[in-house]
PDB file of N, CA and C in Angstrom:
ATOM      1  N   MET A   1       0.806  -1.415  -0.135  1.00  0.00           N
ATOM      2  CA  MET A   1       0.179  -0.281   0.045  1.00  0.00           C
ATOM      3  C   MET A   1       1.271   1.513  -0.074  1.00  0.00           C
ATOM      4  N   VAL A   2       1.906   1.069   0.994  1.00  0.00           N
ATOM      5  CA  VAL A   2       2.725   2.725   0.937  1.00  0.00           C
ATOM      6  C   VAL A   2       4.327   2.146   0.059  1.00  0.00           C
ATOM      7  N   SER A   3       4.837   2.877  -0.807  1.00  0.00           N
ATOM      8  CA  SER A   3       6.093   2.724  -1.274  1.00  0.00           C
ATOM      9  C   SER A   3       7.456   2.994  -0.372  1.00  0.00           C
ATOM     10  N   PRO A   4       8.059   2.325   0.078  1.00  0.00           N
ATOM     11  CA  PRO A   4       9.043   2.834   0.876  1.00  0.00           C
ATOM     12  C   PRO A   4      10.101   3.631   0.205  1.00  0.00           C
ATOM     13  N   GLY A   5      10.197   3.577  -0.889  1.00  0.00           N
ATOM     14  CA  GLY A   5      10.493   4.080  -1.583  1.00  0.00           C
ATOM     15  C   GLY A   5      10.787   5.406  -1.702  1.00  0.00           C
ATOM     16  N   HIS A   6       9.686   5.966  -1.766  1.00  0.00           N
ATOM     17  CA  HIS A   6       9.163   7.596  -1.534  1.00  0.00           C
ATOM     18  C   HIS A   6       7.912   8.121  -0.584  1.00  0.00           C
ATOM     19  N   GLN A   7       8.162   7.149   0.323  1.00  0.00           N
ATOM     20  CA  GLN A   7       6.874   7.227   1.479  1.00  0.00           C
ATOM     21  C   GLN A   7       5.765   7.890   1.163  1.00  0.00           C
ATOM     22  N   ARG A   8       4.923   6.973   0.030  1.00  0.00           N
ATOM     23  CA  ARG A   8       3.739   7.488  -0.405  1.00  0.00           C
ATOM     24  C   ARG A   8       3.078   6.322  -0.705  1.00  0.00           C
ATOM     25  N   LEU A   9       1.451   6.604  -1.063  1.00  0.00           N
ATOM     26  CA  LEU A   9       0.776   5.530  -1.491  1.00  0.00           C
ATOM     27  C   LEU A   9       1.235   5.058  -2.667  1.00  0.00           C
ATOM     28  N   SER A  10       1.567   3.767  -2.773  1.00  0.00           N
ATOM     29  CA  SER A  10       1.518   3.343  -3.803  1.00  0.00           C
ATOM     30  C   SER A  10       0.922   3.705  -5.068  1.00  0.00           C
ATOM     31  N   VAL A  11       1.618   3.899  -6.302  1.00  0.00           N
ATOM     32  CA  VAL A  11       0.957   4.751  -7.755  1.00  0.00           C
ATOM     33  C   VAL A  11      -0.319   3.578  -8.258  1.00  0.00           C
ATOM     34  N   ALA A  12      -0.285   1.941  -8.342  1.00  0.00           N
ATOM     35  CA  ALA A  12      -1.538   1.435  -8.052  1.00  0.00           C
ATOM     36  C   ALA A  12      -2.256   1.554  -7.814  1.00  0.00           C
ATOM     37  N   PHE A  13      -2.505   1.664  -5.900  1.00  0.00           N
ATOM     38  CA  PHE A  13      -3.072   1.659  -5.088  1.00  0.00           C
ATOM     39  C   PHE A  13      -4.034   2.981  -5.017  1.00  0.00           C
ATOM     40  N   ALA A  14      -3.249   3.980  -5.349  1.00  0.00           N
ATOM     41  CA  ALA A  14      -3.321   5.495  -5.044  1.00  0.00           C
ATOM     42  C   ALA A  14      -4.786   5.769  -6.257  1.00  0.00           C
ATOM     43  N   GLU A  15      -3.900   5.271  -7.564  1.00  0.00           N
ATOM     44  CA  GLU A  15      -4.858   5.095  -8.611  1.00  0.00           C
ATOM     45  C   GLU A  15      -6.472   4.735  -8.276  1.00  0.00           C
ATOM     46  N   SER A  16      -6.142   3.278  -7.548  1.00  0.00           N
ATOM     47  CA  SER A  16      -7.567   2.652  -7.494  1.00  0.00           C
ATOM     48  C   SER A  16      -7.929   3.473  -6.781  1.00  0.00           C
ATOM     49  N   LEU A  17      -8.026   4.140  -5.793  1.00  0.00           N
ATOM     50  CA  LEU A  17      -8.445   5.000  -4.723  1.00  0.00           C
ATOM     51  C   LEU A  17      -9.319   6.334  -5.620  1.00  0.00           C
ATOM     52  N   THR A  18      -8.302   6.628  -6.580  1.00  0.00           N
ATOM     53  CA  THR A  18      -9.141   7.792  -7.057  1.00  0.00           C
ATOM     54  C   THR A  18     -10.275   7.304  -8.202  1.00  0.00           C
ATOM     55  N   GLU A  19      -9.980   6.112  -8.870  1.00  0.00           N
ATOM     56  CA  GLU A  19     -11.086   6.028  -9.418  1.00  0.00           C
ATOM     57  C   GLU A  19     -12.153   5.520  -9.135  1.00  0.00           C
ATOM     58  N   ALA A  20     -12.050   4.658  -7.795  1.00  0.00           N
ATOM     59  CA  ALA A  20     -13.506   4.635  -6.883  1.00  0.00           C
ATOM     60  C   ALA A  20     -13.872   5.615  -6.717  1.00  0.00           C
ATOM     61  N   GLY A  21     -13.000   6.940  -6.448  1.00  0.00           N
ATOM     62  CA  GLY A  21     -13.659   8.090  -5.735  1.00  0.00           C
ATOM     63  C   GLY A  21     -13.426   8.623  -4.568  1.00  0.00           C
ATOM     64  N   VAL A  22     -12.986   7.740  -3.735  1.00  0.00           N
ATOM     65  CA  VAL A  22     -12.574   7.230  -2.266  1.00  0.00           C
ATOM     66  C   VAL A  22     -11.328   7.971  -1.676  1.00  0.00           C
ATOM     67  N   SER A  23     -11.299   8.688  -0.859  1.00  0.00           N
ATOM     68  CA  SER A  23     -10.090   8.870  -0.347  1.00  0.00           C
ATOM     69  C   SER A  23      -9.402   7.941   0.597  1.00  0.00           C
ATOM     70  N   SER A  24      -8.106   8.327   1.447  1.00  0.00           N
ATOM     71  CA  SER A  24      -7.000   7.506   1.683  1.00  0.00           C
ATOM     72  C   SER A  24      -6.976   7.966   3.290  1.00  0.00           C
ATOM     73  N   TRP A  25      -6.991   7.173   4.496  1.00  0.00           N
ATOM     74  CA  TRP A  25      -6.809   7.120   5.551  1.00  0.00           C
ATOM     75  C   TRP A  25      -5.666   8.557   5.647  1.00  0.00           C
ATOM     76  N   LEU A  26      -4.823   8.301   4.523  1.00  0.00           N
ATOM     77  CA  LEU A  26      -3.116   8.822   4.812  1.00  0.00           C
ATOM     78  C   LEU A  26      -3.663  10.288   4.516  1.00  0.00           C
ATOM     79  N   GLY A  27      -4.204  10.533   3.832  1.00  0.00           N
ATOM     80  CA  GLY A  27      -4.686  12.093   3.205  1.00  0.00           C
ATOM     81  C   GLY A  27      -4.997  11.802   1.954  1.00  0.00           C
ATOM     82  N   SER A  28      -4.601  12.503   0.875  1.00  0.00           N
ATOM     83  CA  SER A  28      -3.898  12.628  -0.342  1.00  0.00           C
ATOM     84  C   SER A  28      -3.564  12.048  -1.091  1.00  0.00           C
ATOM     85  N   VAL A  29      -3.244  11.996  -2.116  1.00  0.00           N
ATOM     86  CA  VAL A  29      -2.180  10.517  -2.720  1.00  0.00           C
ATOM     87  C   VAL A  29      -0.565  10.954  -2.814  1.00  0.00           C
ATOM     88  N   SER A  30      -0.282  12.381  -2.784  1.00  0.00           N
ATOM     89  CA  SER A  30       0.686  13.164  -2.986  1.00  0.00           C
ATOM     90  C   SER A  30       1.381  13.478  -1.244  1.00  0.00           C
ATOM     91  N   ASP A  31       0.097  13.175  -0.480  1.00  0.00           N
ATOM     92  CA  ASP A  31       0.975  13.737   1.016  1.00  0.00           C
ATOM     93  C   ASP A  31       1.605  12.426   1.555  1.00  0.00           C
ATOM     94  N   THR A  32       2.633  12.497   2.177  1.00  0.00           N
ATOM     95  CA  THR A  32       3.863  11.785   2.418  1.00  0.00           C
ATOM     96  C   THR A  32       3.319  10.945   3.822  1.00  0.00           C
ATOM     97  N   THR A  33       4.348   9.300   3.919  1.00  0.00           N
ATOM     98  CA  THR A  33       3.705   8.679   4.524  1.00  0.00           C
ATOM     99  C   THR A  33       4.807   8.937   6.165  1.00  0.00           C
ATOM    100  N   GLU A  34       6.086   9.644   6.433  1.00  0.00           N
ATOM    101  CA  GLU A  34       6.735   9.444   7.010  1.00  0.00           C
ATOM    102  C   GLU A  34       6.772   9.635   8.297  1.00  0.00           C
ATOM    103  N   TRP A  35       5.183  10.599   8.739  1.00  0.00           N
ATOM    104  CA  TRP A  35       4.746  10.446  10.103  1.00  0.00           C
ATOM    105  C   TRP A  35       4.050   9.130  10.732  1.00  0.00           C
ATOM    106  N   LEU A  36       4.044   7.847   9.956  1.00  0.00           N
ATOM    107  CA  LEU A  36       3.471   6.618  10.077  1.00  0.00           C
ATOM    108  C   LEU A  36       4.676   6.254  10.982  1.00  0.00           C
ATOM    109  N   ALA A  37       5.242   6.161  10.975  1.00  0.00           N
ATOM    110  CA  ALA A  37       6.565   5.273  12.177  1.00  0.00           C
ATOM    111  C   ALA A  37       7.252   6.822  13.205  1.00  0.00           C
ATOM    112  N   PRO A  38       7.199   6.335  14.352  1.00  0.00           N
ATOM    113  CA  PRO A  38       7.255   5.034  14.963  1.00  0.00           C
ATOM    114  C   PRO A  38       6.144   5.025  15.883  1.00  0.00           C
ATOM    115  N   ARG A  39       4.931   6.192  15.566  1.00  0.00           N
ATOM    116  CA  ARG A  39       3.445   6.220  16.466  1.00  0.00           C
ATOM    117  C   ARG A  39       2.870   5.947  15.534  1.00  0.00           C
ATOM    118  N   TRP A  40       2.548   5.282  15.042  1.00  0.00           N
ATOM    119  CA  TRP A  40       1.232   4.809  13.962  1.00  0.00           C
ATOM    120  C   TRP A  40       0.313   3.906  15.165  1.00  0.00           C
ATOM    121  N   GLY A  41       0.633   3.399  16.122  1.00  0.00           N
ATOM    122  CA  GLY A  41       0.203   2.405  17.202  1.00  0.00           C
ATOM    123  C   GLY A  41      -0.736   3.213  17.822  1.00  0.00           C
ATOM    124  N   ASP A  42      -0.652   4.886  17.993  1.00  0.00           N
ATOM    125  CA  ASP A  42      -1.553   5.361  18.653  1.00  0.00           C
ATOM    126  C   ASP A  42      -2.920   5.655  18.179  1.00  0.00           C
ATOM    127  N   VAL A  43      -2.470   5.384  16.739  1.00  0.00           N
ATOM    128  CA  VAL A  43      -3.724   6.514  16.000  1.00  0.00           C
ATOM    129  C   VAL A  43      -4.558   4.717  15.430  1.00  0.00           C
ATOM    130  N   TYR A  44      -3.518   3.673  15.219  1.00  0.00           N
ATOM    131  CA  TYR A  44      -4.207   2.790  14.179  1.00  0.00           C
ATOM    132  C   TYR A  44      -5.222   2.194  15.359  1.00  0.00           C
ATOM    133  N   LEU A  45      -6.389   2.147  14.879  1.00  0.00           N
ATOM    134  CA  LEU A  45      -7.706   1.833  15.517  1.00  0.00           C
ATOM    135  C   LEU A  45      -7.391  -0.179  15.764  1.00  0.00           C
ATOM    136  N   HIS A  46      -6.563  -0.567  14.774  1.00  0.00           N
ATOM    137  CA  HIS A  46      -6.699  -2.286  15.088  1.00  0.00           C
ATOM    138  C   HIS A  46      -5.776  -2.563  15.769  1.00  0.00           C
ATOM    139  N   GLU A  47      -4.571  -1.409  16.389  1.00  0.00           N
ATOM    140  CA  GLU A  47      -3.594  -1.617  17.377  1.00  0.00           C
ATOM    141  C   GLU A  47      -4.063  -1.681  18.769  1.00  0.00           C
ATOM    142  N   THR A  48      -4.657  -0.362  18.473  1.00  0.00           N
ATOM    143  CA  THR A  48      -5.777  -0.153  19.707  1.00  0.00           C
ATOM    144  C   THR A  48      -6.628  -1.100  20.412  1.00  0.00           C
ATOM    145  N   VAL A  49      -7.378  -1.552  19.611  1.00  0.00           N
ATOM    146  CA  VAL A  49      -8.122  -2.607  20.134  1.00  0.00           C
ATOM    147  C   VAL A  49      -7.166  -3.575  20.630  1.00  0.00           C
ATOM    148  N   ILE A  50      -6.597  -4.189  19.674  1.00  0.00           N
ATOM    149  CA  ILE A  50      -5.453  -5.475  20.523  1.00  0.00           C
ATOM    150  C   ILE A  50      -4.662  -4.941  21.555  1.00  0.00           C
ATOM    151  N   ALA A  51      -4.431  -3.685  21.704  1.00  0.00           N
ATOM    152  CA  ALA A  51      -3.271  -3.865  23.387  1.00  0.00           C
ATOM    153  C   ALA A  51      -4.828  -3.836  24.224  1.00  0.00           C
ATOM    154  N   HIS A  52      -6.117  -3.263  24.079  1.00  0.00           N
ATOM    155  CA  HIS A  52      -7.362  -3.223  24.689  1.00  0.00           C
ATOM    156  C   HIS A  52      -7.613  -4.558  25.545  1.00  0.00           C
ATOM    157  N   ILE A  53      -7.441  -5.728  24.020  1.00  0.00           N
ATOM    158  CA  ILE A  53      -7.897  -6.943  24.071  1.00  0.00           C
ATOM    159  C   ILE A  53      -7.023  -7.709  25.290  1.00  0.00           C
ATOM    160  N   ARG A  54      -5.595  -7.683  24.896  1.00  0.00           N
ATOM    161  CA  ARG A  54      -4.145  -8.612  25.611  1.00  0.00           C
ATOM    162  C   ARG A  54      -4.174  -8.126  26.857  1.00  0.00           C
ATOM    163  N   ARG A  55      -4.813  -6.790  27.145  1.00  0.00           N
ATOM    164  CA  ARG A  55      -4.736  -6.236  28.586  1.00  0.00           C
ATOM    165  C   ARG A  55      -6.155  -7.107  29.328  1.00  0.00           C
ATOM    166  N   LEU A  56      -7.175  -7.170  28.865  1.00  0.00           N
ATOM    167  CA  LEU A  56      -8.261  -7.675  29.195  1.00  0.00           C
ATOM    168  C   LEU A  56      -7.917  -8.788  29.499  1.00  0.00           C
ATOM    169  N   LEU A  57      -7.757  -9.802  28.370  1.00  0.00           N
ATOM    170  CA  LEU A  57      -7.094 -11.194  28.892  1.00  0.00           C
ATOM    171  C   LEU A  57      -6.399 -11.523  29.397  1.00  0.00           C
ATOM    172  N   ASP A  58      -5.321 -10.688  30.343  1.00  0.00           N
ATOM    173  CA  ASP A  58      -4.278 -10.632  31.104  1.00  0.00           C
ATOM    174  C   ASP A  58      -5.025 -10.255  32.843  1.00  0.00           C
ATOM    175  N   THR A  59      -5.886  -9.910  32.392  1.00  0.00           N
ATOM    176  CA  THR A  59      -6.420  -8.827  34.159  1.00  0.00           C
ATOM    177  C   THR A  59      -7.901  -9.600  34.130  1.00  0.00           C
ATOM    178  N   ASP A  60      -8.989  -9.084  33.855  1.00  0.00           N
ATOM    179  CA  ASP A  60     -10.606  -9.185  33.725  1.00  0.00           C
ATOM    180  C   ASP A  60     -10.705 -10.321  33.445  1.00  0.00           C
ATOM    181  N   TYR A  61     -10.176 -10.717  32.449  1.00  0.00           N
ATOM    182  CA  TYR A  61     -10.178 -11.917  31.756  1.00  0.00           C
ATOM    183  C   TYR A  61      -9.807 -12.757  31.662  1.00  0.00           C
ATOM    184  N   ARG A  62      -8.691 -12.647  32.583  1.00  0.00           N
ATOM    185  CA  ARG A  62      -7.774 -14.376  32.877  1.00  0.00           C
ATOM    186  C   ARG A  62      -8.141 -15.399  32.589  1.00  0.00           C
ATOM    187  N   CYS A  63      -7.346 -16.462  31.405  1.00  0.00           N
ATOM    188  CA  CYS A  63      -7.564 -18.049  31.990  1.00  0.00           C
ATOM    189  C   CYS A  63      -7.560 -17.978  33.341  1.00  0.00           C
ATOM    190  N   ALA A  64      -8.608 -19.469  33.689  1.00  0.00           N
ATOM    191  CA  ALA A  64      -8.404 -19.683  34.882  1.00  0.00           C
ATOM    192  C   ALA A  64      -8.086 -21.231  34.965  1.00  0.00           C
ATOM    193  N   SER A  65      -7.550 -21.861  33.886  1.00  0.00           N
ATOM    194  CA  SER A  65      -7.024 -23.530  33.729  1.00  0.00           C
ATOM    195  C   SER A  65      -5.679 -22.825  32.578  1.00  0.00           C
ATOM    196  N   LEU A  66      -4.752 -24.183  33.389  1.00  0.00           N
ATOM    197  CA  LEU A  66      -3.780 -24.304  32.330  1.00  0.00           C
ATOM    198  C   LEU A  66      -3.756 -24.900  30.956  1.00  0.00           C
ATOM    199  N   ASN A  67      -5.182 -25.565  30.806  1.00  0.00           N
ATOM    200  CA  ASN A  67      -5.330 -26.078  29.269  1.00  0.00           C
ATOM    201  C   ASN A  67      -6.781 -26.161  29.324  1.00  0.00           C
ATOM    202  N   GLU A  68      -6.559 -24.348  28.846  1.00  0.00           N
ATOM    203  CA  GLU A  68      -8.098 -24.061  28.211  1.00  0.00           C
ATOM    204  C   GLU A  68      -8.251 -24.929  26.797  1.00  0.00           C
ATOM    205  N   THR A  69      -9.943 -24.881  27.357  1.00  0.00           N
ATOM    206  CA  THR A  69     -10.707 -25.052  25.798  1.00  0.00           C
ATOM    207  C   THR A  69     -10.383 -24.165  24.926  1.00  0.00           C
ATOM    208  N   VAL A  70     -11.064 -24.633  23.728  1.00  0.00           N
ATOM    209  CA  VAL A  70     -11.372 -23.629  22.507  1.00  0.00           C
ATOM    210  C   VAL A  70     -12.837 -23.366  22.973  1.00  0.00           C
ATOM    211  N   PRO A  71     -13.381 -23.985  23.309  1.00  0.00           N
ATOM    212  CA  PRO A  71     -15.127 -23.214  24.061  1.00  0.00           C
ATOM    213  C   PRO A  71     -14.848 -22.138  25.234  1.00  0.00           C
ATOM    214  N   ARG A  72     -13.949 -22.525  25.779  1.00  0.00           N
ATOM    215  CA  ARG A  72     -13.740 -21.471  26.847  1.00  0.00           C
ATOM    216  C   ARG A  72     -12.907 -20.546  26.632  1.00  0.00           C
ATOM    217  N   PHE A  73     -12.140 -20.238  25.741  1.00  0.00           N
ATOM    218  CA  PHE A  73     -11.386 -19.457  25.386  1.00  0.00           C
ATOM    219  C   PHE A  73     -12.203 -18.408  24.723  1.00  0.00           C
ATOM    220  N   GLN A  74     -13.550 -19.427  23.616  1.00  0.00           N
ATOM    221  CA  GLN A  74     -14.448 -18.545  23.031  1.00  0.00           C
ATOM    222  C   GLN A  74     -14.936 -17.569  23.533  1.00  0.00           C
ATOM    223  N   ASP A  75     -15.388 -18.766  24.732  1.00  0.00           N
ATOM    224  CA  ASP A  75     -16.569 -17.646  25.987  1.00  0.00           C
ATOM    225  C   ASP A  75     -15.311 -16.427  26.285  1.00  0.00           C
ATOM    226  N   ARG A  76     -14.468 -16.412  26.671  1.00  0.00           N
ATOM    227  CA  ARG A  76     -13.622 -15.262  27.189  1.00  0.00           C
ATOM    228  C   ARG A  76     -13.632 -14.064  26.233  1.00  0.00           C
ATOM    229  N   ILE A  77     -13.110 -14.635  24.887  1.00  0.00           N
ATOM    230  CA  ILE A  77     -13.246 -13.929  23.946  1.00  0.00           C
ATOM    231  C   ILE A  77     -14.317 -12.664  23.716  1.00  0.00           C
ATOM    232  N   LYS A  78     -15.132 -13.668  23.573  1.00  0.00           N
ATOM    233  CA  LYS A  78     -16.847 -12.682  23.853  1.00  0.00           C
ATOM    234  C   LYS A  78     -16.930 -11.666  24.843  1.00  0.00           C
ATOM    235  N   ARG A  79     -16.952 -12.398  25.883  1.00  0.00           N
ATOM    236  CA  ARG A  79     -17.014 -11.815  26.964  1.00  0.00           C
ATOM    237  C   ARG A  79     -16.113 -10.243  26.835  1.00  0.00           C
ATOM    238  N   VAL A  80     -14.952 -10.503  26.754  1.00  0.00           N
ATOM    239  CA  VAL A  80     -13.831  -9.081  26.429  1.00  0.00           C
ATOM    240  C   VAL A  80     -14.728  -8.304  25.057  1.00  0.00           C
ATOM    241  N   ALA A  81     -15.384  -8.894  23.977  1.00  0.00           N
ATOM    242  CA  ALA A  81     -16.305  -8.425  23.044  1.00  0.00           C
ATOM    243  C   ALA A  81     -17.258  -7.570  23.956  1.00  0.00           C
ATOM    244  N   ALA A  82     -17.475  -7.857  24.403  1.00  0.00           N
ATOM    245  CA  ALA A  82     -18.844  -7.098  25.111  1.00  0.00           C
ATOM    246  C   ALA A  82     -18.641  -6.082  25.790  1.00  0.00           C
ATOM    247  N   HIS A  83     -17.599  -6.394  26.884  1.00  0.00           N
ATOM    248  CA  HIS A  83     -16.923  -5.222  27.494  1.00  0.00           C
ATOM    249  C   HIS A  83     -16.546  -3.916  26.489  1.00  0.00           C
ATOM    250  N   LEU A  84     -16.000  -4.272  25.790  1.00  0.00           N
ATOM    251  CA  LEU A  84     -15.015  -3.750  25.029  1.00  0.00           C
ATOM    252  C   LEU A  84     -16.356  -2.671  24.097  1.00  0.00           C
ATOM    253  N   ASN A  85     -17.866  -3.348  23.959  1.00  0.00           N
ATOM    254  CA  ASN A  85     -19.001  -2.351  23.502  1.00  0.00           C
ATOM    255  C   ASN A  85     -19.617  -1.747  24.437  1.00  0.00           C
ATOM    256  N   SER A  86     -19.295  -1.973  25.376  1.00  0.00           N
ATOM    257  CA  SER A  86     -20.438  -1.716  26.666  1.00  0.00           C
ATOM    258  C   SER A  86     -19.960   0.210  27.175  1.00  0.00           C
ATOM    259  N   PRO A  87     -20.813   0.359  27.845  1.00  0.00           N
ATOM    260  CA  PRO A  87     -20.501   1.724  28.806  1.00  0.00           C
ATOM    261  C   PRO A  87     -19.646   1.150  29.607  1.00  0.00           C
ATOM    262  N   ASN A  88     -19.342   0.493  29.777  1.00  0.00           N
ATOM    263  CA  ASN A  88     -18.104   0.620  30.952  1.00  0.00           C
ATOM    264  C   ASN A  88     -16.620   0.682  30.484  1.00  0.00           C
ATOM    265  N   PHE A  89     -16.975   0.676  28.958  1.00  0.00           N
ATOM    266  CA  PHE A  89     -15.445   1.013  28.514  1.00  0.00           C
ATOM    267  C   PHE A  89     -15.417   2.365  28.095  1.00  0.00           C
ATOM    268  N   ARG A  90     -16.552   2.952  28.394  1.00  0.00           N
ATOM    269  CA  ARG A  90     -16.508   4.446  27.698  1.00  0.00           C
ATOM    270  C   ARG A  90     -16.156   4.754  29.558  1.00  0.00           C
ATOM    271  N   ALA A  91     -15.966   4.674  30.514  1.00  0.00           N
ATOM    272  CA  ALA A  91     -15.670   5.059  31.558  1.00  0.00           C
ATOM    273  C   ALA A  91     -14.521   6.118  31.758  1.00  0.00           C
ATOM    274  N   HIS A  92     -14.270   6.975  32.377  1.00  0.00           N
ATOM    275  CA  HIS A  92     -13.437   8.102  32.418  1.00  0.00           C
ATOM    276  C   HIS A  92     -12.744   8.935  31.416  1.00  0.00           C
ATOM    277  N   GLY A  93     -14.421   9.313  30.866  1.00  0.00           N
ATOM    278  CA  GLY A  93     -13.967  10.500  29.901  1.00  0.00           C
ATOM    279  C   GLY A  93     -13.906   9.754  28.325  1.00  0.00           C
ATOM    280  N   GLY A  94     -13.475   8.685  28.663  1.00  0.00           N
ATOM    281  CA  GLY A  94     -13.965   8.246  26.952  1.00  0.00           C
ATOM    282  C   GLY A  94     -14.756   7.330  26.102  1.00  0.00           C
ATOM    283  N   ARG A  95     -14.324   7.570  25.000  1.00  0.00           N
ATOM    284  CA  ARG A  95     -15.791   7.391  24.195  1.00  0.00           C
ATOM    285  C   ARG A  95     -15.999   5.614  23.529  1.00  0.00           C
ATOM    286  N   GLY A  96     -15.357   4.876  24.133  1.00  0.00           N
ATOM    287  CA  GLY A  96     -15.530   3.832  23.665  1.00  0.00           C
ATOM    288  C   GLY A  96     -14.965   3.078  22.471  1.00  0.00           C
ATOM    289  N   MET A  97     -15.452   2.026  21.578  1.00  0.00           N
ATOM    290  CA  MET A  97     -14.553   1.453  20.685  1.00  0.00           C
ATOM    291  C   MET A  97     -15.477   2.475  19.468  1.00  0.00           C
ATOM    292  N   CYS A  98     -16.715   3.056  19.816  1.00  0.00           N
ATOM    293  CA  CYS A  98     -17.229   4.219  18.616  1.00  0.00           C
ATOM    294  C   CYS A  98     -16.829   4.888  18.743  1.00  0.00           C
ATOM    295  N   GLY A  99     -16.305   5.828  19.837  1.00  0.00           N
ATOM    296  CA  GLY A  99     -15.210   7.447  19.630  1.00  0.00           C
ATOM    297  C   GLY A  99     -14.255   6.793  18.866  1.00  0.00           C
ATOM    298  N   LEU A 100     -13.640   5.241  18.906  1.00  0.00           N
ATOM    299  CA  LEU A 100     -12.097   5.335  18.573  1.00  0.00           C
ATOM    300  C   LEU A 100     -12.178   5.221  17.026  1.00  0.00           C
ATOM    301  N   ALA A 101     -13.605   4.782  16.854  1.00  0.00           N
ATOM    302  CA  ALA A 101     -13.787   4.564  15.047  1.00  0.00           C
ATOM    303  C   ALA A 101     -14.001   5.999  14.596  1.00  0.00           C
ATOM    304  N   LYS A 102     -14.592   6.964  15.089  1.00  0.00           N
ATOM    305  CA  LYS A 102     -15.067   8.343  14.578  1.00  0.00           C
ATOM    306  C   LYS A 102     -13.746   9.202  14.808  1.00  0.00           C
ATOM    307  N   ASP A 103     -13.008   8.898  15.809  1.00  0.00           N
ATOM    308  CA  ASP A 103     -11.705   9.662  16.159  1.00  0.00           C
ATOM    309  C   ASP A 103     -10.955  10.010  15.279  1.00  0.00           C
ATOM    310  N   PHE A 104     -10.411   8.806  14.385  1.00  0.00           N
ATOM    311  CA  PHE A 104      -9.564   7.884  13.488  1.00  0.00           C
ATOM    312  C   PHE A 104      -8.815   9.296  12.890  1.00  0.00           C
ATOM    313  N   ARG A 105      -9.962   9.963  11.849  1.00  0.00           N
ATOM    314  CA  ARG A 105      -8.949  10.928  10.772  1.00  0.00           C
ATOM    315  C   ARG A 105      -8.706  12.182  11.691  1.00  0.00           C
ATOM    316  N   ARG A 106      -9.027  12.508  13.084  1.00  0.00           N
ATOM    317  CA  ARG A 106      -8.539  13.706  14.163  1.00  0.00           C
ATOM    318  C   ARG A 106      -6.940  13.091  14.900  1.00  0.00           C
ATOM    319  N   ARG A 107      -7.127  12.080  15.459  1.00  0.00           N
ATOM    320  CA  ARG A 107      -6.223  11.265  15.711  1.00  0.00           C
ATOM    321  C   ARG A 107      -5.119  11.294  14.833  1.00  0.00           C
ATOM    322  N   ARG A 108      -5.272  10.688  14.066  1.00  0.00           N
ATOM    323  CA  ARG A 108      -4.303  10.913  12.569  1.00  0.00           C
ATOM    324  C   ARG A 108      -3.908  12.375  12.449  1.00  0.00           C
ATOM    325  N   ALA A 109      -4.806  13.287  12.452  1.00  0.00           N
ATOM    326  CA  ALA A 109      -3.999  14.658  12.258  1.00  0.00           C
ATOM    327  C   ALA A 109      -3.948  15.031  13.307  1.00  0.00           C
ATOM    328  N   GLU A 110      -3.617  15.118  14.384  1.00  0.00           N
ATOM    329  CA  GLU A 110      -2.991  15.075  15.405  1.00  0.00           C
ATOM    330  C   GLU A 110      -1.531  14.877  15.944  1.00  0.00           C
ATOM    331  N   VAL A 111      -1.400  13.103  15.504  1.00  0.00           N
ATOM    332  CA  VAL A 111       0.168  12.666  15.173  1.00  0.00           C
ATOM    333  C   VAL A 111       0.873  13.443  14.198  1.00  0.00           C
ATOM    334  N   VAL A 112       0.371  13.731  13.001  1.00  0.00           N
ATOM    335  CA  VAL A 112       0.926  14.568  12.011  1.00  0.00           C
ATOM    336  C   VAL A 112       1.296  16.289  12.709  1.00  0.00           C
ATOM    337  N   ARG A 113       0.405  16.604  13.678  1.00  0.00           N
ATOM    338  CA  ARG A 113       0.697  18.371  13.853  1.00  0.00           C
ATOM    339  C   ARG A 113       1.719  17.558  14.823  1.00  0.00           C
ATOM    340  N   LEU A 114       1.824  16.835  16.033  1.00  0.00           N
ATOM    341  CA  LEU A 114       2.533  16.299  16.803  1.00  0.00           C
ATOM    342  C   LEU A 114       4.057  16.200  16.198  1.00  0.00           C
ATOM    343  N   LYS A 115       4.005  15.873  14.742  1.00  0.00           N
ATOM    344  CA  LYS A 115       5.658  15.163  14.028  1.00  0.00           C
ATOM    345  C   LYS A 115       5.987  14.045  14.478  1.00  0.00           C
ATOM    346  N   GLY A 116       4.916  12.995  15.060  1.00  0.00           N
ATOM    347  CA  GLY A 116       5.460  11.791  15.373  1.00  0.00           C
ATOM    348  C   GLY A 116       5.159  11.698  16.768  1.00  0.00           C
ATOM    349  N   GLU A 117       5.061  12.944  17.017  1.00  0.00           N
ATOM    350  CA  GLU A 117       5.301  12.396  19.068  1.00  0.00           C
ATOM    351  C   GLU A 117       3.613  11.415  19.695  1.00  0.00           C
ATOM    352  N   ARG A 118       4.184  10.886  20.751  1.00  0.00           N
ATOM    353  CA  ARG A 118       3.100  10.695  21.322  1.00  0.00           C
ATOM    354  C   ARG A 118       1.494  11.559  21.417  1.00  0.00           C
ATOM    355  N   LEU A 119       0.357  10.811  21.023  1.00  0.00           N
ATOM    356  CA  LEU A 119      -0.627  11.424  21.464  1.00  0.00           C
ATOM    357  C   LEU A 119      -0.963  11.455  23.051  1.00  0.00           C
ATOM    358  N   PRO A 120      -1.300  12.353  23.825  1.00  0.00           N
ATOM    359  CA  PRO A 120      -1.409  12.356  24.964  1.00  0.00           C
ATOM    360  C   PRO A 120      -2.558  11.496  25.437  1.00  0.00           C
TER     361      PRO A 120
END
């Protein structure tokens, strides 16, 4: 998707986006992607969600037995998903999963403005 040689969207990918009338989350096709590293994890929704899932599986929804079965793991994952979509996840001023998704472009712009520094 991104060409490391010039730090922009690959030509074929950019042309496909333009042809489909879709804009990229990176900005315009001529915008540089140098800002992506090293703080992209602060913005990228699935990275944020994975961090929350790992934390919850290690704390609130910890494995209770050494030889966990697939059905028990599936149950834990379902409980984690329910928690991430619950009002409890929005506690402490957060906006929950929906807020993470809706704030994506604003968070991306903030990382660019901060020149790759961590988001507060």
